[in-house]
Amino acid sequence: MNLGEGCKVISCFHFNKEPSRSHGIPFQFVVKHGETLGQAKGRLQERLGIPEKDFSKIKFWFIPTASYGKQRQIEDGKSMLFKL
């Protein structure tokens, strides 16, 4: 894989109510340094080919790999930049 400077690969998966109830096929996605959540979601929607009506129902969560880390939903209204 040929990543640009400031890019990072993140692991993504689908789950229902609890991360331990995962389903579907996990995948990896590249986020770019300084990219907003909205920009990343636009690229993700295009990559997955999901219509806007269905994609708008998806919620995004940060799930830390450490078991003691806190899970939190990432909200659209905030212009969060990915800091790598």
Protein backbone atom coordinates (compact mmCIF):
# COMPACT_ATOMS: atom_id res chain seq x y z
CA MET A 1 0.00 0.00 0.00
CA ASN A 2 1.35 3.40 -0.95
CA LEU A 3 0.19 5.89 1.71
CA GLY A 4 0.75 9.60 1.41
CA GLU A 5 2.43 11.55 4.17
CA GLY A 6 0.11 12.10 7.12
CA CYS A 7 -2.24 9.24 6.22
CA LYS A 8 -3.23 6.43 8.54
CA VAL A 9 -5.05 3.15 8.02
CA ILE A 10 -7.87 2.46 10.48
CA SER A 11 -9.83 -0.76 11.01
CA CYS A 12 -13.60 -0.55 10.56
CA PHE A 13 -16.41 -2.97 11.37
CA HIS A 14 -20.18 -3.07 11.74
CA PHE A 15 -21.88 -3.83 15.03
CA ASN A 16 -25.35 -3.85 16.56
CA LYS A 17 -25.68 -2.03 19.93
CA GLU A 18 -22.48 -3.57 21.36
CA PRO A 19 -19.06 -3.88 19.66
CA SER A 20 -19.00 -7.53 20.68
CA ARG A 21 -22.04 -8.08 18.39
CA SER A 22 -20.20 -7.43 15.15
CA HIS A 23 -21.47 -8.52 11.75
CA GLY A 24 -20.54 -8.11 8.11
CA ILE A 25 -17.03 -8.01 6.74
CA PRO A 26 -14.44 -5.85 8.55
CA PHE A 27 -12.38 -3.56 6.33
CA GLN A 28 -9.63 -0.97 6.45
CA PHE A 29 -9.98 2.69 5.50
CA VAL A 30 -7.40 5.44 5.02
CA VAL A 31 -7.89 8.73 6.89
CA LYS A 32 -5.88 11.79 5.97
CA HIS A 33 -4.28 14.18 8.43
CA GLY A 34 -6.44 17.29 8.86
CA GLU A 35 -9.47 15.70 7.20
CA THR A 36 -12.84 16.45 8.79
CA LEU A 37 -15.30 13.73 9.68
CA GLY A 38 -17.62 14.97 6.94
CA GLN A 39 -14.91 14.64 4.30
CA ALA A 40 -13.99 11.15 5.45
CA LYS A 41 -17.65 10.08 5.50
CA GLY A 42 -18.09 11.34 1.94
CA ARG A 43 -15.16 9.25 0.74
CA LEU A 44 -16.40 6.25 2.71
CA GLN A 45 -19.91 6.50 1.27
CA GLU A 46 -18.49 6.68 -2.24
CA ARG A 47 -16.19 3.69 -1.60
CA LEU A 48 -18.99 1.53 -0.17
CA GLY A 49 -21.55 2.63 -2.76
CA ILE A 50 -24.32 3.16 -0.19
CA PRO A 51 -27.19 5.50 -1.16
CA GLU A 52 -27.55 8.71 0.91
CA LYS A 53 -30.85 7.56 2.45
CA ASP A 54 -29.23 4.43 3.91
CA PHE A 55 -25.89 6.06 4.73
CA SER A 56 -27.58 8.77 6.83
CA LYS A 57 -28.73 6.06 9.28
CA ILE A 58 -25.17 4.96 10.05
CA LYS A 59 -23.59 6.10 13.32
CA PHE A 60 -19.85 6.32 13.77
CA TRP A 61 -18.09 5.29 16.97
CA PHE A 62 -14.54 5.40 18.23
CA ILE A 63 -13.75 2.01 19.79
CA PRO A 64 -10.31 2.01 21.47
CA THR A 65 -8.27 -1.15 21.20
CA ALA A 66 -7.47 -1.09 24.92
CA SER A 67 -10.19 -2.71 27.00
CA TYR A 68 -10.12 0.14 29.52
CA GLY A 69 -10.64 2.85 26.90
CA LYS A 70 -13.98 4.62 26.63
CA GLN A 71 -16.17 4.11 23.58
CA ARG A 72 -17.75 7.24 22.21
CA GLN A 73 -19.99 8.15 19.33
CA ILE A 74 -18.52 10.57 16.81
CA GLU A 75 -21.14 13.19 15.97
CA ASP A 76 -21.60 14.85 12.60
CA GLY A 77 -22.23 18.36 13.93
CA LYS A 78 -18.67 18.70 15.14
CA SER A 79 -16.01 19.48 12.58
CA MET A 80 -13.55 17.06 14.14
CA LEU A 81 -10.22 16.82 12.41
CA PHE A 82 -8.41 13.53 12.39
CA LYS A 83 -5.19 14.07 14.30
CA LEU A 84 -2.66 11.41 13.50
